C-alpha atoms as a PDB file:
ATOM      1  CA  MET A   1      19.102 -81.953  -6.515  1.00  0.00           C
ATOM      2  CA  GLN A   2      19.537 -78.197  -7.090  1.00  0.00           C
ATOM      3  CA  GLU A   3      17.003 -77.405  -4.337  1.00  0.00           C
ATOM      4  CA  ARG A   4      19.313 -79.130  -1.799  1.00  0.00           C
ATOM      5  CA  VAL A   5      22.175 -76.709  -2.435  1.00  0.00           C
ATOM      6  CA  ILE A   6      23.307 -74.882   0.688  1.00  0.00           C
ATOM      7  CA  ASN A   7      24.989 -71.515   0.149  1.00  0.00           C
ATOM      8  CA  ILE A   8      27.868 -71.384   2.608  1.00  0.00           C
ATOM      9  CA  LEU A   9      29.275 -68.107   3.876  1.00  0.00           C
ATOM     10  CA  LEU A  10      32.693 -68.664   5.427  1.00  0.00           C
ATOM     11  CA  VAL A  11      33.553 -65.805   7.792  1.00  0.00           C
ATOM     12  CA  GLU A  12      37.281 -66.218   8.334  1.00  0.00           C
ATOM     13  CA  ASP A  13      40.223 -63.807   8.401  1.00  0.00           C
ATOM     14  CA  ASP A  14      43.013 -66.401   8.280  1.00  0.00           C
ATOM     15  CA  GLU A  15      43.962 -67.175   4.676  1.00  0.00           C
ATOM     16  CA  VAL A  16      45.484 -70.535   5.643  1.00  0.00           C
ATOM     17  CA  ASP A  17      42.180 -71.601   7.213  1.00  0.00           C
ATOM     18  CA  VAL A  18      40.270 -70.398   4.136  1.00  0.00           C
ATOM     19  CA  MET A  19      42.622 -72.465   1.965  1.00  0.00           C
ATOM     20  CA  ASN A  20      42.148 -75.493   4.251  1.00  0.00           C
ATOM     21  CA  VAL A  21      38.365 -75.232   4.006  1.00  0.00           C
ATOM     22  CA  LYS A  22      38.550 -75.008   0.206  1.00  0.00           C
ATOM     23  CA  ARG A  23      40.969 -77.950   0.003  1.00  0.00           C
ATOM     24  CA  ALA A  24      38.854 -80.038   2.373  1.00  0.00           C
ATOM     25  CA  PHE A  25      35.694 -79.268   0.382  1.00  0.00           C
ATOM     26  CA  LYS A  26      37.443 -80.373  -2.793  1.00  0.00           C
ATOM     27  CA  LYS A  27      38.860 -83.534  -1.201  1.00  0.00           C
ATOM     28  CA  VAL A  28      35.450 -84.762   0.010  1.00  0.00           C
ATOM     29  CA  ASN A  29      33.615 -83.427  -3.061  1.00  0.00           C
ATOM     30  CA  ILE A  30      31.549 -80.750  -1.315  1.00  0.00           C
ATOM     31  CA  THR A  31      30.195 -78.714  -4.216  1.00  0.00           C
ATOM     32  CA  ASN A  32      28.117 -76.197  -2.286  1.00  0.00           C
ATOM     33  CA  PRO A  33      28.796 -72.594  -3.300  1.00  0.00           C
ATOM     34  CA  LEU A  34      31.302 -71.025  -0.905  1.00  0.00           C
ATOM     35  CA  TYR A  35      31.289 -67.281  -0.267  1.00  0.00           C
ATOM     36  CA  LEU A  36      33.996 -65.549   1.737  1.00  0.00           C
ATOM     37  CA  ALA A  37      33.982 -62.705   4.239  1.00  0.00           C
ATOM     38  CA  SER A  38      37.080 -61.720   6.206  1.00  0.00           C
ATOM     39  CA  ASN A  39      35.248 -60.285   9.248  1.00  0.00           C
ATOM     40  CA  GLY A  40      31.822 -59.860  10.790  1.00  0.00           C
ATOM     41  CA  LEU A  41      31.138 -56.459   9.218  1.00  0.00           C
ATOM     42  CA  GLU A  42      31.779 -57.786   5.726  1.00  0.00           C
ATOM     43  CA  ALA A  43      29.656 -60.859   6.433  1.00  0.00           C
ATOM     44  CA  LEU A  44      26.705 -58.752   7.583  1.00  0.00           C
ATOM     45  CA  ALA A  45      27.017 -56.576   4.485  1.00  0.00           C
ATOM     46  CA  MET A  46      26.952 -59.700   2.318  1.00  0.00           C
ATOM     47  CA  LEU A  47      23.939 -61.158   4.129  1.00  0.00           C
ATOM     48  CA  ARG A  48      22.017 -57.881   3.956  1.00  0.00           C
ATOM     49  CA  SER A  49      22.862 -56.936   0.379  1.00  0.00           C
ATOM     50  CA  ASN A  50      20.306 -57.388  -2.369  1.00  0.00           C
ATOM     51  CA  HIS A  51      22.324 -55.464  -4.925  1.00  0.00           C
ATOM     52  CA  GLY A  52      25.741 -54.027  -5.558  1.00  0.00           C
ATOM     53  CA  LYS A  53      29.043 -55.468  -4.383  1.00  0.00           C
ATOM     54  CA  TYR A  54      27.653 -58.521  -2.530  1.00  0.00           C
ATOM     55  CA  SER A  55      24.575 -59.394  -4.582  1.00  0.00           C
ATOM     56  CA  ASN A  56      25.969 -62.791  -5.611  1.00  0.00           C
ATOM     57  CA  LEU A  57      25.125 -64.367  -2.204  1.00  0.00           C
ATOM     58  CA  PRO A  58      21.634 -65.890  -2.533  1.00  0.00           C
ATOM     59  CA  THR A  59      19.070 -64.930   0.090  1.00  0.00           C
ATOM     60  CA  GLU A  60      17.843 -68.478   0.727  1.00  0.00           C
ATOM     61  CA  ARG A  61      19.348 -71.740   1.982  1.00  0.00           C
ATOM     62  CA  ARG A  62      22.327 -70.113   3.673  1.00  0.00           C
ATOM     63  CA  LEU A  63      24.662 -71.442   6.332  1.00  0.00           C
ATOM     64  CA  VAL A  64      27.378 -69.393   8.035  1.00  0.00           C
ATOM     65  CA  LEU A  65      30.680 -70.982   9.096  1.00  0.00           C
ATOM     66  CA  LEU A  66      32.002 -68.475  11.609  1.00  0.00           C
ATOM     67  CA  ASP A  67      35.406 -67.895  13.141  1.00  0.00           C
ATOM     68  CA  LEU A  68      35.354 -66.020  16.455  1.00  0.00           C
ATOM     69  CA  ASN A  69      38.716 -64.242  16.520  1.00  0.00           C
ATOM     70  CA  MET A  70      38.642 -61.626  13.748  1.00  0.00           C
ATOM     71  CA  PRO A  71      39.413 -57.930  13.321  1.00  0.00           C
ATOM     72  CA  LYS A  72      36.808 -55.151  12.996  1.00  0.00           C
ATOM     73  CA  MET A  73      33.920 -57.294  14.274  1.00  0.00           C
ATOM     74  CA  ASN A  74      34.575 -60.606  15.992  1.00  0.00           C
ATOM     75  CA  GLY A  75      32.322 -63.641  15.837  1.00  0.00           C
ATOM     76  CA  ILE A  76      30.414 -62.981  19.066  1.00  0.00           C
ATOM     77  CA  GLU A  77      29.706 -59.383  17.998  1.00  0.00           C
ATOM     78  CA  PHE A  78      28.589 -60.730  14.607  1.00  0.00           C
ATOM     79  CA  LEU A  79      26.212 -63.201  16.279  1.00  0.00           C
ATOM     80  CA  GLN A  80      24.750 -60.453  18.462  1.00  0.00           C
ATOM     81  CA  GLU A  81      24.070 -58.278  15.420  1.00  0.00           C
ATOM     82  CA  LEU A  82      22.787 -61.190  13.311  1.00  0.00           C
ATOM     83  CA  ARG A  83      20.331 -62.386  15.963  1.00  0.00           C
ATOM     84  CA  SER A  84      18.972 -58.858  16.521  1.00  0.00           C
ATOM     85  CA  ASP A  85      18.195 -58.417  12.804  1.00  0.00           C
ATOM     86  CA  PRO A  86      14.631 -59.593  12.042  1.00  0.00           C
ATOM     87  CA  GLU A  87      15.606 -60.455   8.453  1.00  0.00           C
ATOM     88  CA  LEU A  88      18.638 -62.557   9.433  1.00  0.00           C
ATOM     89  CA  CYS A  89      17.896 -63.853  12.935  1.00  0.00           C
ATOM     90  CA  THR A  90      17.069 -67.382  11.783  1.00  0.00           C
ATOM     91  CA  THR A  91      20.224 -67.824   9.698  1.00  0.00           C
ATOM     92  CA  PRO A  92      21.959 -71.036  10.802  1.00  0.00           C
ATOM     93  CA  VAL A  93      25.497 -70.532  12.092  1.00  0.00           C
ATOM     94  CA  VAL A  94      28.191 -73.065  12.933  1.00  0.00           C
ATOM     95  CA  VAL A  95      31.158 -71.669  14.849  1.00  0.00           C
ATOM     96  CA  MET A  96      34.501 -73.042  13.682  1.00  0.00           C
ATOM     97  CA  THR A  97      37.279 -71.625  15.819  1.00  0.00           C
ATOM     98  CA  THR A  98      40.497 -72.274  17.709  1.00  0.00           C
ATOM     99  CA  SER A  99      38.941 -70.903  20.902  1.00  0.00           C
ATOM    100  CA  ASN A 100      38.381 -73.610  23.485  1.00  0.00           C
ATOM    101  CA  HIS A 101      37.286 -71.087  26.132  1.00  0.00           C
ATOM    102  CA  ASP A 102      34.110 -72.014  27.970  1.00  0.00           C
ATOM    103  CA  GLN A 103      32.995 -68.369  27.920  1.00  0.00           C
ATOM    104  CA  ASP A 104      33.125 -68.298  24.100  1.00  0.00           C
ATOM    105  CA  LYS A 105      31.170 -71.562  23.877  1.00  0.00           C
ATOM    106  CA  VAL A 106      28.489 -70.326  26.293  1.00  0.00           C
ATOM    107  CA  GLN A 107      28.172 -66.979  24.497  1.00  0.00           C
ATOM    108  CA  ALA A 108      27.936 -68.674  21.092  1.00  0.00           C
ATOM    109  CA  TYR A 109      25.266 -71.117  22.238  1.00  0.00           C
ATOM    110  CA  ASN A 110      23.375 -68.245  23.889  1.00  0.00           C
ATOM    111  CA  PHE A 111      23.082 -66.859  20.353  1.00  0.00           C
ATOM    112  CA  ASN A 112      21.600 -70.162  19.152  1.00  0.00           C
ATOM    113  CA  VAL A 113      24.454 -71.459  17.031  1.00  0.00           C
ATOM    114  CA  ALA A 114      23.850 -74.817  15.363  1.00  0.00           C
ATOM    115  CA  GLY A 115      27.242 -76.056  16.508  1.00  0.00           C
ATOM    116  CA  TYR A 116      30.616 -75.142  17.957  1.00  0.00           C
ATOM    117  CA  ILE A 117      33.570 -76.881  16.327  1.00  0.00           C
ATOM    118  CA  LEU A 118      37.210 -76.572  17.308  1.00  0.00           C
ATOM    119  CA  LYS A 119      39.409 -76.248  14.234  1.00  0.00           C
ATOM    120  CA  PRO A 120      41.329 -79.481  13.803  1.00  0.00           C
ATOM    121  CA  LEU A 121      45.109 -79.258  13.994  1.00  0.00           C
ATOM    122  CA  THR A 122      45.876 -81.629  11.110  1.00  0.00           C
ATOM    123  CA  PHE A 123      44.592 -81.419   7.563  1.00  0.00           C
ATOM    124  CA  ASN A 124      43.281 -85.006   7.643  1.00  0.00           C
ATOM    125  CA  ASN A 125      41.209 -84.203  10.720  1.00  0.00           C
ATOM    126  CA  PHE A 126      40.065 -80.990   9.031  1.00  0.00           C
ATOM    127  CA  VAL A 127      38.871 -83.039   6.039  1.00  0.00           C
ATOM    128  CA  GLU A 128      37.036 -85.435   8.350  1.00  0.00           C
ATOM    129  CA  THR A 129      35.379 -82.526  10.156  1.00  0.00           C
ATOM    130  CA  MET A 130      34.227 -80.940   6.880  1.00  0.00           C
ATOM    131  CA  SER A 131      32.863 -84.285   5.698  1.00  0.00           C
ATOM    132  CA  THR A 132      30.891 -84.720   8.922  1.00  0.00           C
ATOM    133  CA  LEU A 133      29.614 -81.151   8.742  1.00  0.00           C
ATOM    134  CA  ASN A 134      28.515 -81.738   5.138  1.00  0.00           C
ATOM    135  CA  LYS A 135      26.545 -84.821   6.197  1.00  0.00           C
ATOM    136  CA  TYR A 136      24.929 -82.747   8.929  1.00  0.00           C
ATOM    137  CA  TRP A 137      23.743 -79.926   6.686  1.00  0.00           C
ATOM    138  CA  ILE A 138      22.493 -82.404   4.072  1.00  0.00           C
ATOM    139  CA  LEU A 139      20.232 -83.893   6.767  1.00  0.00           C
ATOM    140  CA  CYS A 140      19.056 -80.515   8.070  1.00  0.00           C
ATOM    141  CA  GLU A 141      16.060 -78.849   6.529  1.00  0.00           C
ATOM    142  CA  ILE A 142      17.418 -75.365   5.856  1.00  0.00           C
ATOM    143  CA  PRO A 143      14.819 -73.009   4.353  1.00  0.00           C
END
């Protein structure tokens, strides 16, 4: 089953949301490795690094869970940079944000995101969302 492991990069600046993701993963027994970046610049550095500070993020079978509203480089700017990089352009990304703005949704989908999820307001709904997302990425064939 090791070949089915998905390496998840959570790009999130809100520590409460990071904690909620970790708690939800634990509650529904999601054992995929979870890597953390607090903004788009850090996430790109992690995805591009083959050595040094970020070398622990594997180069294969990766999925990015992306917040949009972050300092330094927001999610849309991250997507623009990611999709223009020939090495990273096929990396699957699921947006997970509080933004319900149509403009953000359109921009995200224009950058070929795999999904756009509004962050649930209650922890139980958050757990349900993470469980559904887990089922989705288990079914997907991520290289």
